[in-house]
Amino acid sequence: MISATIFEAKTNLSELVKKAQKGEIVIITSGRDKTPVAKLEAIHRVGKKRLGALETPGFQLTDAFFEPLPEDELRMWNGEGD
């Protein structure tokens, strides 16, 4: 989260909008005590959101991923054994 005074927001509006489009939230403050008065955030996020596992180069699911679990491991997932 980014914070900017009204003066900073007027001066750097384009930059703050770009940051909001990237998913950041900008809080605009007012006064000496910097009281939050407004929030700037994107209506629609620009760019693609990627899953963490898919960002890893060379990551592939093999056929083994889709095979049934062994019975003892399946019981552990179901909370039936240790």
Foldseek 3Di string as FASTA:
>chain_A
DAEEEPVRCVVCVVVVLVVQLQPDKYFYAYDPVRHTDDIDHDPDRPDDDDDPQVVDPPDDDDPVVVDDDPPVVVCVVVVNHD
